[in-house]
Amino acid sequence: MSRQVINTVQVQAAAGRSEELGRQLQQIVETLRALPGCDAYLVDRCPDDGDRWNVSARWQSAPAGNRKRPCKPTSIALKCKASSA
């Protein structure tokens, strides 16, 4: 039996670039939502810190969540803190 997989990443925007980061993350997520096995991909601004964004994905299975994905490179300076649930 296959289990769903949820990945969550918090991304901290460089000073003064939060809006730009949010737009870039949204573009990336729109591409990833169309991938096979993706149930949901969400981008939300953290309510406690307007420069931090939460990106969460829900996949139908571990193999679906572990596939390599095409991603448009971005020049935005980021600090990432990754966690999985």
N, C-alpha and C. Protein backbone atom coordinates (compact mmCIF):
# COMPACT_ATOMS: atom_id res chain seq x y z
N MET A 1 0.83 -1.18 0.00
CA MET A 1 0.00 0.00 0.00
C MET A 1 0.88 1.25 0.00
N SER A 2 0.57 2.17 -0.86
CA SER A 2 1.35 3.40 -0.98
C SER A 2 0.76 4.49 -0.09
N ARG A 3 1.61 5.27 0.53
CA ARG A 3 1.17 6.37 1.39
C ARG A 3 1.39 7.70 0.69
N GLN A 4 0.53 8.66 1.02
CA GLN A 4 0.73 10.01 0.52
C GLN A 4 1.98 10.60 1.17
N VAL A 5 2.61 11.52 0.46
CA VAL A 5 3.80 12.20 0.96
C VAL A 5 3.54 13.69 0.94
N ILE A 6 3.92 14.36 2.03
CA ILE A 6 3.78 15.82 2.12
C ILE A 6 5.15 16.41 2.37
N ASN A 7 5.53 17.37 1.53
CA ASN A 7 6.79 18.09 1.68
C ASN A 7 6.47 19.54 1.97
N THR A 8 7.19 20.13 2.93
CA THR A 8 7.01 21.54 3.23
C THR A 8 8.38 22.20 3.31
N VAL A 9 8.49 23.35 2.68
CA VAL A 9 9.73 24.12 2.69
C VAL A 9 9.38 25.55 3.08
N GLN A 10 10.19 26.14 3.95
CA GLN A 10 10.05 27.56 4.27
C GLN A 10 11.18 28.29 3.56
N VAL A 11 10.82 29.38 2.88
CA VAL A 11 11.79 30.15 2.11
C VAL A 11 11.77 31.58 2.63
N GLN A 12 12.94 32.09 3.01
CA GLN A 12 13.07 33.45 3.52
C GLN A 12 13.55 34.35 2.39
N ALA A 13 12.81 35.41 2.12
CA ALA A 13 13.18 36.35 1.06
C ALA A 13 14.32 37.24 1.51
N ALA A 14 15.15 37.65 0.58
CA ALA A 14 16.17 38.66 0.85
C ALA A 14 15.45 39.98 1.13
N ALA A 15 16.09 40.86 1.86
CA ALA A 15 15.49 42.13 2.25
C ALA A 15 14.91 42.87 1.03
N GLY A 16 13.64 43.26 1.15
CA GLY A 16 12.98 44.02 0.10
C GLY A 16 12.56 43.23 -1.13
N ARG A 17 12.65 41.89 -1.09
CA ARG A 17 12.35 41.09 -2.28
C ARG A 17 11.25 40.07 -2.06
N SER A 18 10.46 40.25 -1.02
CA SER A 18 9.43 39.27 -0.70
C SER A 18 8.38 39.14 -1.80
N GLU A 19 7.90 40.25 -2.33
CA GLU A 19 6.89 40.19 -3.40
C GLU A 19 7.43 39.47 -4.62
N GLU A 20 8.66 39.77 -4.99
CA GLU A 20 9.28 39.12 -6.14
C GLU A 20 9.42 37.62 -5.90
N LEU A 21 9.86 37.25 -4.70
CA LEU A 21 9.99 35.84 -4.37
C LEU A 21 8.63 35.15 -4.44
N GLY A 22 7.60 35.77 -3.90
CA GLY A 22 6.26 35.19 -3.95
C GLY A 22 5.80 34.92 -5.37
N ARG A 23 6.06 35.86 -6.27
CA ARG A 23 5.68 35.67 -7.69
C ARG A 23 6.46 34.51 -8.31
N GLN A 24 7.76 34.43 -8.03
CA GLN A 24 8.59 33.35 -8.58
C GLN A 24 8.13 31.99 -8.05
N LEU A 25 7.88 31.92 -6.76
CA LEU A 25 7.41 30.65 -6.17
C LEU A 25 6.08 30.23 -6.79
N GLN A 26 5.19 31.18 -6.99
CA GLN A 26 3.89 30.86 -7.58
C GLN A 26 4.05 30.31 -8.99
N GLN A 27 4.95 30.88 -9.78
CA GLN A 27 5.19 30.38 -11.15
C GLN A 27 5.72 28.95 -11.11
N ILE A 28 6.65 28.69 -10.21
CA ILE A 28 7.22 27.35 -10.10
C ILE A 28 6.13 26.35 -9.70
N VAL A 29 5.34 26.71 -8.72
CA VAL A 29 4.28 25.83 -8.21
C VAL A 29 3.25 25.53 -9.29
N GLU A 30 2.90 26.50 -10.10
CA GLU A 30 1.92 26.26 -11.17
C GLU A 30 2.41 25.20 -12.13
N THR A 31 3.69 25.16 -12.40
CA THR A 31 4.27 24.13 -13.26
C THR A 31 4.24 22.77 -12.57
N LEU A 32 4.60 22.74 -11.29
CA LEU A 32 4.68 21.48 -10.57
C LEU A 32 3.32 20.84 -10.32
N ARG A 33 2.28 21.64 -10.19
CA ARG A 33 0.93 21.10 -9.96
C ARG A 33 0.48 20.16 -11.08
N ALA A 34 1.00 20.36 -12.27
CA ALA A 34 0.58 19.57 -13.43
C ALA A 34 1.30 18.21 -13.50
N LEU A 35 2.27 17.98 -12.64
CA LEU A 35 3.02 16.73 -12.71
C LEU A 35 2.19 15.54 -12.23
N PRO A 36 2.41 14.38 -12.84
CA PRO A 36 1.70 13.17 -12.42
C PRO A 36 1.97 12.87 -10.95
N GLY A 37 0.92 12.53 -10.23
CA GLY A 37 1.06 12.16 -8.84
C GLY A 37 0.95 13.32 -7.86
N CYS A 38 0.84 14.55 -8.37
CA CYS A 38 0.72 15.71 -7.49
C CYS A 38 -0.76 15.95 -7.18
N ASP A 39 -1.10 15.90 -5.89
CA ASP A 39 -2.47 16.20 -5.47
C ASP A 39 -2.66 17.68 -5.18
N ALA A 40 -1.62 18.34 -4.67
CA ALA A 40 -1.73 19.76 -4.33
C ALA A 40 -0.35 20.36 -4.18
N TYR A 41 -0.23 21.62 -4.54
CA TYR A 41 1.00 22.41 -4.33
C TYR A 41 0.54 23.80 -3.95
N LEU A 42 0.99 24.29 -2.80
CA LEU A 42 0.51 25.56 -2.28
C LEU A 42 1.66 26.48 -1.91
N VAL A 43 1.46 27.79 -2.11
CA VAL A 43 2.41 28.81 -1.67
C VAL A 43 1.63 29.78 -0.80
N ASP A 44 2.12 29.98 0.42
CA ASP A 44 1.47 30.90 1.36
C ASP A 44 2.52 31.73 2.06
N ARG A 45 2.21 33.01 2.25
CA ARG A 45 3.08 33.87 3.04
C ARG A 45 2.86 33.55 4.51
N CYS A 46 3.94 33.46 5.26
CA CYS A 46 3.85 33.16 6.68
C CYS A 46 3.18 34.33 7.40
N PRO A 47 2.17 34.06 8.22
CA PRO A 47 1.47 35.15 8.91
C PRO A 47 2.33 35.85 9.95
N ASP A 48 3.37 35.18 10.46
CA ASP A 48 4.23 35.77 11.48
C ASP A 48 5.40 36.56 10.92
N ASP A 49 5.71 36.36 9.62
CA ASP A 49 6.87 37.00 9.01
C ASP A 49 6.59 37.21 7.53
N GLY A 50 6.35 38.45 7.13
CA GLY A 50 5.98 38.75 5.74
C GLY A 50 7.06 38.47 4.72
N ASP A 51 8.29 38.18 5.17
CA ASP A 51 9.38 37.85 4.25
C ASP A 51 9.61 36.35 4.15
N ARG A 52 8.79 35.56 4.84
CA ARG A 52 8.94 34.10 4.80
C ARG A 52 7.74 33.49 4.09
N TRP A 53 8.01 32.54 3.24
CA TRP A 53 6.98 31.84 2.47
C TRP A 53 7.01 30.36 2.79
N ASN A 54 5.84 29.75 2.87
CA ASN A 54 5.70 28.31 3.05
C ASN A 54 5.27 27.70 1.72
N VAL A 55 5.99 26.69 1.29
CA VAL A 55 5.65 25.97 0.06
C VAL A 55 5.40 24.52 0.45
N SER A 56 4.20 24.02 0.17
CA SER A 56 3.83 22.66 0.56
C SER A 56 3.33 21.89 -0.65
N ALA A 57 3.70 20.62 -0.68
CA ALA A 57 3.25 19.73 -1.75
C ALA A 57 2.68 18.47 -1.14
N ARG A 58 1.62 17.95 -1.75
CA ARG A 58 1.06 16.65 -1.36
C ARG A 58 1.09 15.75 -2.59
N TRP A 59 1.76 14.61 -2.43
CA TRP A 59 1.93 13.66 -3.53
C TRP A 59 1.17 12.37 -3.22
N GLN A 60 0.74 11.69 -4.26
CA GLN A 60 -0.03 10.45 -4.10
C GLN A 60 0.79 9.31 -3.51
N SER A 61 2.12 9.36 -3.68
CA SER A 61 2.98 8.29 -3.18
C SER A 61 4.40 8.81 -3.02
N ALA A 62 5.23 8.03 -2.31
CA ALA A 62 6.63 8.40 -2.16
C ALA A 62 7.35 8.47 -3.51
N PRO A 63 7.16 7.48 -4.41
CA PRO A 63 7.83 7.59 -5.71
C PRO A 63 7.42 8.85 -6.49
N ALA A 64 6.15 9.22 -6.42
CA ALA A 64 5.70 10.43 -7.11
C ALA A 64 6.36 11.67 -6.51
N GLY A 65 6.51 11.70 -5.19
CA GLY A 65 7.12 12.85 -4.53
C GLY A 65 8.62 12.93 -4.69
N ASN A 66 9.24 11.82 -5.07
CA ASN A 66 10.70 11.80 -5.19
C ASN A 66 11.21 11.97 -6.62
N ARG A 67 10.31 12.08 -7.57
CA ARG A 67 10.74 12.27 -8.97
C ARG A 67 11.47 13.59 -9.13
N LYS A 68 12.41 13.62 -10.07
CA LYS A 68 13.07 14.89 -10.40
C LYS A 68 12.07 15.76 -11.13
N ARG A 69 12.10 17.05 -10.84
CA ARG A 69 11.15 17.97 -11.42
C ARG A 69 11.85 19.11 -12.15
N PRO A 70 11.27 19.53 -13.26
CA PRO A 70 11.85 20.69 -13.96
C PRO A 70 11.58 21.95 -13.15
N CYS A 71 12.58 22.78 -13.00
CA CYS A 71 12.42 24.00 -12.23
C CYS A 71 13.17 25.13 -12.92
N LYS A 72 12.50 26.23 -13.11
CA LYS A 72 13.13 27.39 -13.71
C LYS A 72 14.08 28.02 -12.70
N PRO A 73 15.35 28.20 -13.06
CA PRO A 73 16.28 28.81 -12.12
C PRO A 73 15.87 30.24 -11.81
N THR A 74 16.18 30.68 -10.61
CA THR A 74 15.87 32.04 -10.21
C THR A 74 17.11 32.69 -9.63
N SER A 75 17.19 33.99 -9.77
CA SER A 75 18.37 34.70 -9.27
C SER A 75 18.10 35.33 -7.91
N ILE A 76 16.97 35.00 -7.30
CA ILE A 76 16.64 35.57 -6.00
C ILE A 76 17.47 34.89 -4.92
N ALA A 77 18.10 35.70 -4.08
CA ALA A 77 18.90 35.16 -2.97
C ALA A 77 17.94 34.61 -1.91
N LEU A 78 18.12 33.36 -1.52
CA LEU A 78 17.22 32.70 -0.59
C LEU A 78 17.96 32.07 0.57
N LYS A 79 17.27 31.91 1.67
CA LYS A 79 17.70 31.05 2.76
C LYS A 79 16.60 30.02 2.90
N CYS A 80 16.93 28.75 2.89
CA CYS A 80 15.90 27.71 2.94
C CYS A 80 16.01 26.89 4.21
N LYS A 81 14.88 26.54 4.74
CA LYS A 81 14.80 25.60 5.87
C LYS A 81 13.80 24.55 5.45
N ALA A 82 14.27 23.34 5.21
CA ALA A 82 13.39 22.28 4.71
C ALA A 82 12.98 21.35 5.84
N SER A 83 11.78 20.87 5.74
CA SER A 83 11.29 19.86 6.67
C SER A 83 10.27 19.00 5.95
N SER A 84 10.11 17.77 6.40
CA SER A 84 9.06 16.93 5.84
C SER A 84 8.16 16.43 6.95
N ALA A 85 6.91 16.27 6.57
CA ALA A 85 5.93 15.79 7.55
C ALA A 85 5.51 14.40 7.21
